[in-house]
Amino acid sequence: MKKLYYDINEIAEMLHLEPYTLRYWEKEFPHLKPKRDARNRRRYTEADIEIIKKIQYQKEVQGRTIKGTREQLNHRETAENIIFNLQHLRNFLEELRSNLN
């Protein structure tokens, strides 16, 4: 059974990172904003983990700098938003066409 939230030490162990790296990345990547609980502890979701994995891949495998990784994530986010909007537009147009027939 998957957990809804993970703490920083669990994520660090899971992804073979240091907690201070995760805290630094939060400052450098606006995409990474884990929720905080009542005691102000970070609570990472599966979506946060995916972002961390993307950052880790860009830096370790592709050798990008922090700036390059941030730009790549921004570019990917923009492309994903465009695709999402085009899919909704297509669905709307198909529905409109079926209503005209």
PDB file of N, CA and C in Angstrom:
ATOM      1  N   MET A   1       0.844  -1.192   0.000  1.00  0.00           N
ATOM      2  CA  MET A   1       0.000   0.000   0.000  1.00  0.00           C
ATOM      3  C   MET A   1       0.886   1.252   0.000  1.00  0.00           C
ATOM      4  N   LYS A   2       0.616   2.140  -0.930  1.00  0.00           N
ATOM      5  CA  LYS A   2       1.389   3.371  -1.021  1.00  0.00           C
ATOM      6  C   LYS A   2       0.961   4.353   0.054  1.00  0.00           C
ATOM      7  N   LYS A   3       1.933   5.104   0.522  1.00  0.00           N
ATOM      8  CA  LYS A   3       1.655   6.157   1.486  1.00  0.00           C
ATOM      9  C   LYS A   3       1.250   7.416   0.736  1.00  0.00           C
ATOM     10  N   LEU A   4       0.483   8.269   1.403  1.00  0.00           N
ATOM     11  CA  LEU A   4       0.115   9.552   0.806  1.00  0.00           C
ATOM     12  C   LEU A   4       1.248  10.554   0.928  1.00  0.00           C
ATOM     13  N   TYR A   5       1.964  10.510   2.050  1.00  0.00           N
ATOM     14  CA  TYR A   5       3.034  11.465   2.302  1.00  0.00           C
ATOM     15  C   TYR A   5       4.271  10.755   2.825  1.00  0.00           C
ATOM     16  N   TYR A   6       5.416  11.303   2.457  1.00  0.00           N
ATOM     17  CA  TYR A   6       6.699  10.788   2.914  1.00  0.00           C
ATOM     18  C   TYR A   6       7.467  11.937   3.546  1.00  0.00           C
ATOM     19  N   ASP A   7       8.280  11.623   4.566  1.00  0.00           N
ATOM     20  CA  ASP A   7       9.096  12.692   5.134  1.00  0.00           C
ATOM     21  C   ASP A   7      10.425  12.775   4.392  1.00  0.00           C
ATOM     22  N   ILE A   8      11.185  13.802   4.684  1.00  0.00           N
ATOM     23  CA  ILE A   8      12.400  14.087   3.936  1.00  0.00           C
ATOM     24  C   ILE A   8      13.425  12.962   4.043  1.00  0.00           C
ATOM     25  N   ASN A   9      13.509  12.323   5.214  1.00  0.00           N
ATOM     26  CA  ASN A   9      14.476  11.234   5.384  1.00  0.00           C
ATOM     27  C   ASN A   9      14.095  10.007   4.568  1.00  0.00           C
ATOM     28  N   GLU A  10      12.810   9.730   4.465  1.00  0.00           N
ATOM     29  CA  GLU A  10      12.359   8.605   3.639  1.00  0.00           C
ATOM     30  C   GLU A  10      12.698   8.851   2.166  1.00  0.00           C
ATOM     31  N   ILE A  11      12.461  10.063   1.698  1.00  0.00           N
ATOM     32  CA  ILE A  11      12.751  10.401   0.305  1.00  0.00           C
ATOM     33  C   ILE A  11      14.256  10.325   0.054  1.00  0.00           C
ATOM     34  N   ALA A  12      15.032  10.873   0.972  1.00  0.00           N
ATOM     35  CA  ALA A  12      16.484  10.867   0.819  1.00  0.00           C
ATOM     36  C   ALA A  12      17.003   9.433   0.713  1.00  0.00           C
ATOM     37  N   GLU A  13      16.505   8.566   1.571  1.00  0.00           N
ATOM     38  CA  GLU A  13      16.937   7.164   1.537  1.00  0.00           C
ATOM     39  C   GLU A  13      16.459   6.466   0.261  1.00  0.00           C
ATOM     40  N   MET A  14      15.231   6.701  -0.103  1.00  0.00           N
ATOM     41  CA  MET A  14      14.632   6.075  -1.276  1.00  0.00           C
ATOM     42  C   MET A  14      15.394   6.423  -2.556  1.00  0.00           C
ATOM     43  N   LEU A  15      15.817   7.677  -2.677  1.00  0.00           N
ATOM     44  CA  LEU A  15      16.430   8.156  -3.909  1.00  0.00           C
ATOM     45  C   LEU A  15      17.951   8.339  -3.796  1.00  0.00           C
ATOM     46  N   HIS A  16      18.509   7.885  -2.689  1.00  0.00           N
ATOM     47  CA  HIS A  16      19.962   7.947  -2.466  1.00  0.00           C
ATOM     48  C   HIS A  16      20.473   9.385  -2.560  1.00  0.00           C
ATOM     49  N   LEU A  17      19.789  10.262  -1.854  1.00  0.00           N
ATOM     50  CA  LEU A  17      20.163  11.676  -1.768  1.00  0.00           C
ATOM     51  C   LEU A  17      20.327  12.046  -0.301  1.00  0.00           C
ATOM     52  N   GLU A  18      20.933  13.174  -0.071  1.00  0.00           N
ATOM     53  CA  GLU A  18      21.034  13.699   1.287  1.00  0.00           C
ATOM     54  C   GLU A  18      19.867  14.657   1.534  1.00  0.00           C
ATOM     55  N   PRO A  19      19.351  14.702   2.767  1.00  0.00           N
ATOM     56  CA  PRO A  19      18.260  15.641   3.053  1.00  0.00           C
ATOM     57  C   PRO A  19      18.614  17.090   2.715  1.00  0.00           C
ATOM     58  N   TYR A  20      19.868  17.487   2.928  1.00  0.00           N
ATOM     59  CA  TYR A  20      20.246  18.867   2.616  1.00  0.00           C
ATOM     60  C   TYR A  20      20.158  19.146   1.118  1.00  0.00           C
ATOM     61  N   THR A  21      20.353  18.121   0.288  1.00  0.00           N
ATOM     62  CA  THR A  21      20.202  18.287  -1.159  1.00  0.00           C
ATOM     63  C   THR A  21      18.749  18.597  -1.496  1.00  0.00           C
ATOM     64  N   LEU A  22      17.841  17.869  -0.880  1.00  0.00           N
ATOM     65  CA  LEU A  22      16.413  18.106  -1.122  1.00  0.00           C
ATOM     66  C   LEU A  22      16.007  19.501  -0.669  1.00  0.00           C
ATOM     67  N   ARG A  23      16.503  19.920   0.490  1.00  0.00           N
ATOM     68  CA  ARG A  23      16.172  21.264   0.966  1.00  0.00           C
ATOM     69  C   ARG A  23      16.726  22.337   0.009  1.00  0.00           C
ATOM     70  N   TYR A  24      17.931  22.117  -0.496  1.00  0.00           N
ATOM     71  CA  TYR A  24      18.526  23.054  -1.454  1.00  0.00           C
ATOM     72  C   TYR A  24      17.700  23.093  -2.738  1.00  0.00           C
ATOM     73  N   TRP A  25      17.321  21.928  -3.237  1.00  0.00           N
ATOM     74  CA  TRP A  25      16.542  21.876  -4.474  1.00  0.00           C
ATOM     75  C   TRP A  25      15.209  22.591  -4.325  1.00  0.00           C
ATOM     76  N   GLU A  26      14.617  22.560  -3.138  1.00  0.00           N
ATOM     77  CA  GLU A  26      13.363  23.287  -2.919  1.00  0.00           C
ATOM     78  C   GLU A  26      13.556  24.781  -3.167  1.00  0.00           C
ATOM     79  N   LYS A  27      14.731  25.294  -2.817  1.00  0.00           N
ATOM     80  CA  LYS A  27      15.011  26.715  -3.023  1.00  0.00           C
ATOM     81  C   LYS A  27      15.264  27.025  -4.493  1.00  0.00           C
ATOM     82  N   GLU A  28      15.829  26.071  -5.211  1.00  0.00           N
ATOM     83  CA  GLU A  28      16.247  26.296  -6.593  1.00  0.00           C
ATOM     84  C   GLU A  28      15.175  25.979  -7.631  1.00  0.00           C
ATOM     85  N   PHE A  29      14.229  25.106  -7.282  1.00  0.00           N
ATOM     86  CA  PHE A  29      13.221  24.665  -8.245  1.00  0.00           C
ATOM     87  C   PHE A  29      11.825  25.004  -7.733  1.00  0.00           C
ATOM     88  N   PRO A  30      11.172  25.984  -8.352  1.00  0.00           N
ATOM     89  CA  PRO A  30       9.820  26.338  -7.906  1.00  0.00           C
ATOM     90  C   PRO A  30       8.826  25.192  -8.089  1.00  0.00           C
ATOM     91  N   HIS A  31       9.189  24.195  -8.899  1.00  0.00           N
ATOM     92  CA  HIS A  31       8.328  23.039  -9.133  1.00  0.00           C
ATOM     93  C   HIS A  31       8.210  22.167  -7.888  1.00  0.00           C
ATOM     94  N   LEU A  32       9.199  22.229  -7.020  1.00  0.00           N
ATOM     95  CA  LEU A  32       9.281  21.347  -5.859  1.00  0.00           C
ATOM     96  C   LEU A  32       8.871  22.109  -4.607  1.00  0.00           C
ATOM     97  N   LYS A  33       7.645  21.915  -4.206  1.00  0.00           N
ATOM     98  CA  LYS A  33       7.116  22.578  -3.016  1.00  0.00           C
ATOM     99  C   LYS A  33       6.329  21.564  -2.180  1.00  0.00           C
ATOM    100  N   PRO A  34       7.020  20.774  -1.350  1.00  0.00           N
ATOM    101  CA  PRO A  34       6.282  19.814  -0.524  1.00  0.00           C
ATOM    102  C   PRO A  34       5.395  20.534   0.487  1.00  0.00           C
ATOM    103  N   LYS A  35       4.313  19.872   0.828  1.00  0.00           N
ATOM    104  CA  LYS A  35       3.410  20.429   1.832  1.00  0.00           C
ATOM    105  C   LYS A  35       4.095  20.367   3.184  1.00  0.00           C
ATOM    106  N   ARG A  36       3.592  21.138   4.128  1.00  0.00           N
ATOM    107  CA  ARG A  36       4.105  21.133   5.494  1.00  0.00           C
ATOM    108  C   ARG A  36       2.978  20.720   6.426  1.00  0.00           C
ATOM    109  N   ASP A  37       3.323  19.945   7.467  1.00  0.00           N
ATOM    110  CA  ASP A  37       2.311  19.552   8.436  1.00  0.00           C
ATOM    111  C   ASP A  37       2.236  20.594   9.552  1.00  0.00           C
ATOM    112  N   ALA A  38       1.438  20.312  10.567  1.00  0.00           N
ATOM    113  CA  ALA A  38       1.228  21.266  11.656  1.00  0.00           C
ATOM    114  C   ALA A  38       2.529  21.571  12.402  1.00  0.00           C
ATOM    115  N   ARG A  39       3.467  20.638  12.389  1.00  0.00           N
ATOM    116  CA  ARG A  39       4.760  20.845  13.050  1.00  0.00           C
ATOM    117  C   ARG A  39       5.819  21.369  12.080  1.00  0.00           C
ATOM    118  N   ASN A  40       5.377  21.813  10.898  1.00  0.00           N
ATOM    119  CA  ASN A  40       6.229  22.412   9.863  1.00  0.00           C
ATOM    120  C   ASN A  40       7.224  21.429   9.245  1.00  0.00           C
ATOM    121  N   ARG A  41       6.920  20.144   9.322  1.00  0.00           N
ATOM    122  CA  ARG A  41       7.766  19.135   8.679  1.00  0.00           C
ATOM    123  C   ARG A  41       7.321  18.967   7.241  1.00  0.00           C
ATOM    124  N   ARG A  42       8.288  18.739   6.361  1.00  0.00           N
ATOM    125  CA  ARG A  42       7.984  18.542   4.944  1.00  0.00           C
ATOM    126  C   ARG A  42       7.252  17.217   4.759  1.00  0.00           C
ATOM    127  N   ARG A  43       6.242  17.257   3.882  1.00  0.00           N
ATOM    128  CA  ARG A  43       5.486  16.056   3.534  1.00  0.00           C
ATOM    129  C   ARG A  43       5.443  15.960   2.019  1.00  0.00           C
ATOM    130  N   TYR A  44       6.222  15.023   1.486  1.00  0.00           N
ATOM    131  CA  TYR A  44       6.341  14.848   0.042  1.00  0.00           C
ATOM    132  C   TYR A  44       5.270  13.895  -0.475  1.00  0.00           C
ATOM    133  N   THR A  45       4.692  14.234  -1.610  1.00  0.00           N
ATOM    134  CA  THR A  45       3.704  13.376  -2.269  1.00  0.00           C
ATOM    135  C   THR A  45       4.381  12.622  -3.416  1.00  0.00           C
ATOM    136  N   GLU A  46       3.627  11.730  -4.045  1.00  0.00           N
ATOM    137  CA  GLU A  46       4.148  11.015  -5.220  1.00  0.00           C
ATOM    138  C   GLU A  46       4.522  11.997  -6.328  1.00  0.00           C
ATOM    139  N   ALA A  47       3.743  13.065  -6.482  1.00  0.00           N
ATOM    140  CA  ALA A  47       4.056  14.082  -7.502  1.00  0.00           C
ATOM    141  C   ALA A  47       5.390  14.749  -7.188  1.00  0.00           C
ATOM    142  N   ASP A  48       5.646  15.039  -5.916  1.00  0.00           N
ATOM    143  CA  ASP A  48       6.935  15.617  -5.519  1.00  0.00           C
ATOM    144  C   ASP A  48       8.079  14.657  -5.836  1.00  0.00           C
ATOM    145  N   ILE A  49       7.858  13.381  -5.581  1.00  0.00           N
ATOM    146  CA  ILE A  49       8.881  12.369  -5.845  1.00  0.00           C
ATOM    147  C   ILE A  49       9.205  12.325  -7.334  1.00  0.00           C
ATOM    148  N   GLU A  50       8.197  12.436  -8.186  1.00  0.00           N
ATOM    149  CA  GLU A  50       8.430  12.433  -9.629  1.00  0.00           C
ATOM    150  C   GLU A  50       9.261  13.640 -10.056  1.00  0.00           C
ATOM    151  N   ILE A  51       8.990  14.793  -9.463  1.00  0.00           N
ATOM    152  CA  ILE A  51       9.774  15.990  -9.771  1.00  0.00           C
ATOM    153  C   ILE A  51      11.220  15.793  -9.340  1.00  0.00           C
ATOM    154  N   ILE A  52      11.415  15.241  -8.150  1.00  0.00           N
ATOM    155  CA  ILE A  52      12.765  14.988  -7.656  1.00  0.00           C
ATOM    156  C   ILE A  52      13.498  14.025  -8.585  1.00  0.00           C
ATOM    157  N   LYS A  53      12.810  12.991  -9.047  1.00  0.00           N
ATOM    158  CA  LYS A  53      13.431  12.044  -9.971  1.00  0.00           C
ATOM    159  C   LYS A  53      13.826  12.711 -11.280  1.00  0.00           C
ATOM    160  N   LYS A  54      12.995  13.623 -11.764  1.00  0.00           N
ATOM    161  CA  LYS A  54      13.319  14.355 -12.993  1.00  0.00           C
ATOM    162  C   LYS A  54      14.555  15.231 -12.784  1.00  0.00           C
ATOM    163  N   ILE A  55      14.601  15.908 -11.648  1.00  0.00           N
ATOM    164  CA  ILE A  55      15.763  16.746 -11.337  1.00  0.00           C
ATOM    165  C   ILE A  55      17.016  15.880 -11.247  1.00  0.00           C
ATOM    166  N   GLN A  56      16.893  14.783 -10.535  1.00  0.00           N
ATOM    167  CA  GLN A  56      18.022  13.874 -10.349  1.00  0.00           C
ATOM    168  C   GLN A  56      18.514  13.338 -11.699  1.00  0.00           C
ATOM    169  N   TYR A  57      17.607  12.954 -12.571  1.00  0.00           N
ATOM    170  CA  TYR A  57      17.976  12.444 -13.892  1.00  0.00           C
ATOM    171  C   TYR A  57      18.694  13.513 -14.712  1.00  0.00           C
ATOM    172  N   GLN A  58      18.125  14.707 -14.727  1.00  0.00           N
ATOM    173  CA  GLN A  58      18.719  15.795 -15.498  1.00  0.00           C
ATOM    174  C   GLN A  58      20.133  16.097 -15.013  1.00  0.00           C
ATOM    175  N   LYS A  59      20.336  16.101 -13.715  1.00  0.00           N
ATOM    176  CA  LYS A  59      21.640  16.443 -13.160  1.00  0.00           C
ATOM    177  C   LYS A  59      22.634  15.292 -13.279  1.00  0.00           C
ATOM    178  N   GLU A  60      22.237  14.095 -12.876  1.00  0.00           N
ATOM    179  CA  GLU A  60      23.182  12.986 -12.797  1.00  0.00           C
ATOM    180  C   GLU A  60      23.410  12.294 -14.137  1.00  0.00           C
ATOM    181  N   VAL A  61      22.360  12.046 -14.878  1.00  0.00           N
ATOM    182  CA  VAL A  61      22.492  11.300 -16.132  1.00  0.00           C
ATOM    183  C   VAL A  61      22.844  12.226 -17.284  1.00  0.00           C
ATOM    184  N   GLN A  62      22.141  13.354 -17.376  1.00  0.00           N
ATOM    185  CA  GLN A  62      22.366  14.258 -18.493  1.00  0.00           C
ATOM    186  C   GLN A  62      23.412  15.332 -18.200  1.00  0.00           C
ATOM    187  N   GLY A  63      23.859  15.410 -16.965  1.00  0.00           N
ATOM    188  CA  GLY A  63      24.931  16.332 -16.616  1.00  0.00           C
ATOM    189  C   GLY A  63      24.571  17.799 -16.668  1.00  0.00           C
ATOM    190  N   ARG A  64      23.320  18.121 -16.476  1.00  0.00           N
ATOM    191  CA  ARG A  64      22.891  19.525 -16.533  1.00  0.00           C
ATOM    192  C   ARG A  64      23.229  20.251 -15.224  1.00  0.00           C
ATOM    193  N   THR A  65      23.386  21.546 -15.341  1.00  0.00           N
ATOM    194  CA  THR A  65      23.560  22.397 -14.170  1.00  0.00           C
ATOM    195  C   THR A  65      22.194  22.635 -13.538  1.00  0.00           C
ATOM    196  N   ILE A  66      22.201  23.280 -12.382  1.00  0.00           N
ATOM    197  CA  ILE A  66      20.929  23.648 -11.740  1.00  0.00           C
ATOM    198  C   ILE A  66      20.114  24.522 -12.689  1.00  0.00           C
ATOM    199  N   LYS A  67      20.762  25.523 -13.264  1.00  0.00           N
ATOM    200  CA  LYS A  67      20.064  26.434 -14.183  1.00  0.00           C
ATOM    201  C   LYS A  67      19.526  25.677 -15.390  1.00  0.00           C
ATOM    202  N   GLY A  68      20.338  24.810 -15.981  1.00  0.00           N
ATOM    203  CA  GLY A  68      19.904  24.032 -17.138  1.00  0.00           C
ATOM    204  C   GLY A  68      18.761  23.098 -16.806  1.00  0.00           C
ATOM    205  N   THR A  69      18.824  22.505 -15.627  1.00  0.00           N
ATOM    206  CA  THR A  69      17.749  21.602 -15.190  1.00  0.00           C
ATOM    207  C   THR A  69      16.457  22.380 -14.987  1.00  0.00           C
ATOM    208  N   ARG A  70      16.563  23.548 -14.355  1.00  0.00           N
ATOM    209  CA  ARG A  70      15.378  24.385 -14.133  1.00  0.00           C
ATOM    210  C   ARG A  70      14.751  24.787 -15.466  1.00  0.00           C
ATOM    211  N   GLU A  71      15.580  25.194 -16.431  1.00  0.00           N
ATOM    212  CA  GLU A  71      15.067  25.577 -17.744  1.00  0.00           C
ATOM    213  C   GLU A  71      14.402  24.393 -18.445  1.00  0.00           C
ATOM    214  N   GLN A  72      15.001  23.224 -18.337  1.00  0.00           N
ATOM    215  CA  GLN A  72      14.433  22.022 -18.954  1.00  0.00           C
ATOM    216  C   GLN A  72      13.072  21.686 -18.344  1.00  0.00           C
ATOM    217  N   LEU A  73      12.966  21.782 -17.024  1.00  0.00           N
ATOM    218  CA  LEU A  73      11.684  21.509 -16.363  1.00  0.00           C
ATOM    219  C   LEU A  73      10.638  22.537 -16.763  1.00  0.00           C
ATOM    220  N   ASN A  74      11.044  23.811 -16.878  1.00  0.00           N
ATOM    221  CA  ASN A  74      10.099  24.847 -17.314  1.00  0.00           C
ATOM    222  C   ASN A  74       9.627  24.578 -18.735  1.00  0.00           C
ATOM    223  N   HIS A  75      10.561  24.190 -19.602  1.00  0.00           N
ATOM    224  CA  HIS A  75      10.212  23.885 -20.993  1.00  0.00           C
ATOM    225  C   HIS A  75       9.252  22.698 -21.049  1.00  0.00           C
ATOM    226  N   ARG A  76       9.551  21.655 -20.298  1.00  0.00           N
ATOM    227  CA  ARG A  76       8.701  20.464 -20.289  1.00  0.00           C
ATOM    228  C   ARG A  76       7.314  20.802 -19.761  1.00  0.00           C
ATOM    229  N   GLU A  77       7.259  21.610 -18.699  1.00  0.00           N
ATOM    230  CA  GLU A  77       5.978  21.999 -18.121  1.00  0.00           C
ATOM    231  C   GLU A  77       5.150  22.782 -19.136  1.00  0.00           C
ATOM    232  N   THR A  78       5.787  23.680 -19.858  1.00  0.00           N
ATOM    233  CA  THR A  78       5.101  24.468 -20.887  1.00  0.00           C
ATOM    234  C   THR A  78       4.570  23.551 -21.989  1.00  0.00           C
ATOM    235  N   ALA A  79       5.391  22.619 -22.444  1.00  0.00           N
ATOM    236  CA  ALA A  79       4.971  21.685 -23.500  1.00  0.00           C
ATOM    237  C   ALA A  79       3.803  20.829 -23.024  1.00  0.00           C
ATOM    238  N   GLU A  80       3.859  20.362 -21.780  1.00  0.00           N
ATOM    239  CA  GLU A  80       2.769  19.546 -21.246  1.00  0.00           C
ATOM    240  C   GLU A  80       1.477  20.352 -21.167  1.00  0.00           C
ATOM    241  N   ASN A  81       1.571  21.616 -20.786  1.00  0.00           N
ATOM    242  CA  ASN A  81       0.384  22.479 -20.732  1.00  0.00           C
ATOM    243  C   ASN A  81      -0.203  22.698 -22.119  1.00  0.00           C
ATOM    244  N   ILE A  82       0.640  22.887 -23.109  1.00  0.00           N
ATOM    245  CA  ILE A  82       0.163  23.066 -24.485  1.00  0.00           C
ATOM    246  C   ILE A  82      -0.555  21.816 -24.965  1.00  0.00           C
ATOM    247  N   ILE A  83       0.032  20.660 -24.717  1.00  0.00           N
ATOM    248  CA  ILE A  83      -0.585  19.392 -25.123  1.00  0.00           C
ATOM    249  C   ILE A  83      -1.928  19.217 -24.429  1.00  0.00           C
ATOM    250  N   PHE A  84      -1.980  19.490 -23.135  1.00  0.00           N
ATOM    251  CA  PHE A  84      -3.219  19.375 -22.366  1.00  0.00           C
ATOM    252  C   PHE A  84      -4.300  20.281 -22.948  1.00  0.00           C
ATOM    253  N   ASN A  85      -3.944  21.530 -23.239  1.00  0.00           N
ATOM    254  CA  ASN A  85      -4.910  22.478 -23.797  1.00  0.00           C
ATOM    255  C   ASN A  85      -5.378  22.056 -25.189  1.00  0.00           C
ATOM    256  N   LEU A  86      -4.469  21.544 -26.007  1.00  0.00           N
ATOM    257  CA  LEU A  86      -4.849  21.087 -27.346  1.00  0.00           C
ATOM    258  C   LEU A  86      -5.784  19.874 -27.271  1.00  0.00           C
ATOM    259  N   GLN A  87      -5.555  18.989 -26.325  1.00  0.00           N
ATOM    260  CA  GLN A  87      -6.437  17.836 -26.164  1.00  0.00           C
ATOM    261  C   GLN A  87      -7.840  18.284 -25.768  1.00  0.00           C
ATOM    262  N   HIS A  88      -7.918  19.263 -24.881  1.00  0.00           N
ATOM    263  CA  HIS A  88      -9.237  19.777 -24.486  1.00  0.00           C
ATOM    264  C   HIS A  88      -9.922  20.481 -25.654  1.00  0.00           C
ATOM    265  N   LEU A  89      -9.172  21.212 -26.426  1.00  0.00           N
ATOM    266  CA  LEU A  89      -9.730  21.878 -27.596  1.00  0.00           C
ATOM    267  C   LEU A  89     -10.250  20.849 -28.597  1.00  0.00           C
ATOM    268  N   ARG A  90      -9.477  19.792 -28.806  1.00  0.00           N
ATOM    269  CA  ARG A  90      -9.898  18.734 -29.733  1.00  0.00           C
ATOM    270  C   ARG A  90     -11.201  18.077 -29.251  1.00  0.00           C
ATOM    271  N   ASN A  91     -11.272  17.777 -27.968  1.00  0.00           N
ATOM    272  CA  ASN A  91     -12.489  17.181 -27.416  1.00  0.00           C
ATOM    273  C   ASN A  91     -13.685  18.100 -27.602  1.00  0.00           C
ATOM    274  N   PHE A  92     -13.476  19.390 -27.367  1.00  0.00           N
ATOM    275  CA  PHE A  92     -14.547  20.364 -27.542  1.00  0.00           C
ATOM    276  C   PHE A  92     -15.008  20.401 -28.997  1.00  0.00           C
ATOM    277  N   LEU A  93     -14.062  20.442 -29.932  1.00  0.00           N
ATOM    278  CA  LEU A  93     -14.413  20.507 -31.358  1.00  0.00           C
ATOM    279  C   LEU A  93     -15.119  19.228 -31.817  1.00  0.00           C
ATOM    280  N   GLU A  94     -14.674  18.080 -31.324  1.00  0.00           N
ATOM    281  CA  GLU A  94     -15.344  16.830 -31.690  1.00  0.00           C
ATOM    282  C   GLU A  94     -16.773  16.800 -31.156  1.00  0.00           C
ATOM    283  N   GLU A  95     -16.962  17.297 -29.942  1.00  0.00           N
ATOM    284  CA  GLU A  95     -18.309  17.355 -29.364  1.00  0.00           C
ATOM    285  C   GLU A  95     -19.178  18.329 -30.149  1.00  0.00           C
ATOM    286  N   LEU A  96     -18.615  19.455 -30.532  1.00  0.00           N
ATOM    287  CA  LEU A  96     -19.338  20.442 -31.323  1.00  0.00           C
ATOM    288  C   LEU A  96     -19.742  19.852 -32.672  1.00  0.00           C
ATOM    289  N   ARG A  97     -18.838  19.127 -33.330  1.00  0.00           N
ATOM    290  CA  ARG A  97     -19.128  18.515 -34.616  1.00  0.00           C
ATOM    291  C   ARG A  97     -20.240  17.465 -34.478  1.00  0.00           C
ATOM    292  N   SER A  98     -20.183  16.669 -33.427  1.00  0.00           N
ATOM    293  CA  SER A  98     -21.226  15.646 -33.261  1.00  0.00           C
ATOM    294  C   SER A  98     -22.584  16.279 -32.978  1.00  0.00           C
ATOM    295  N   ASN A  99     -22.624  17.422 -32.303  1.00  0.00           N
ATOM    296  CA  ASN A  99     -23.884  18.121 -32.053  1.00  0.00           C
ATOM    297  C   ASN A  99     -24.455  18.760 -33.319  1.00  0.00           C
ATOM    298  N   LEU A 100     -23.587  19.130 -34.262  1.00  0.00           N
ATOM    299  CA  LEU A 100     -24.044  19.711 -35.520  1.00  0.00           C
ATOM    300  C   LEU A 100     -24.635  18.661 -36.462  1.00  0.00           C
ATOM    301  N   ASN A 101     -24.196  17.435 -36.312  1.00  0.00           N
ATOM    302  CA  ASN A 101     -24.690  16.353 -37.194  1.00  0.00           C
ATOM    303  C   ASN A 101     -25.994  15.870 -36.732  1.00  0.00           C
TER     304      ASN A 101
END
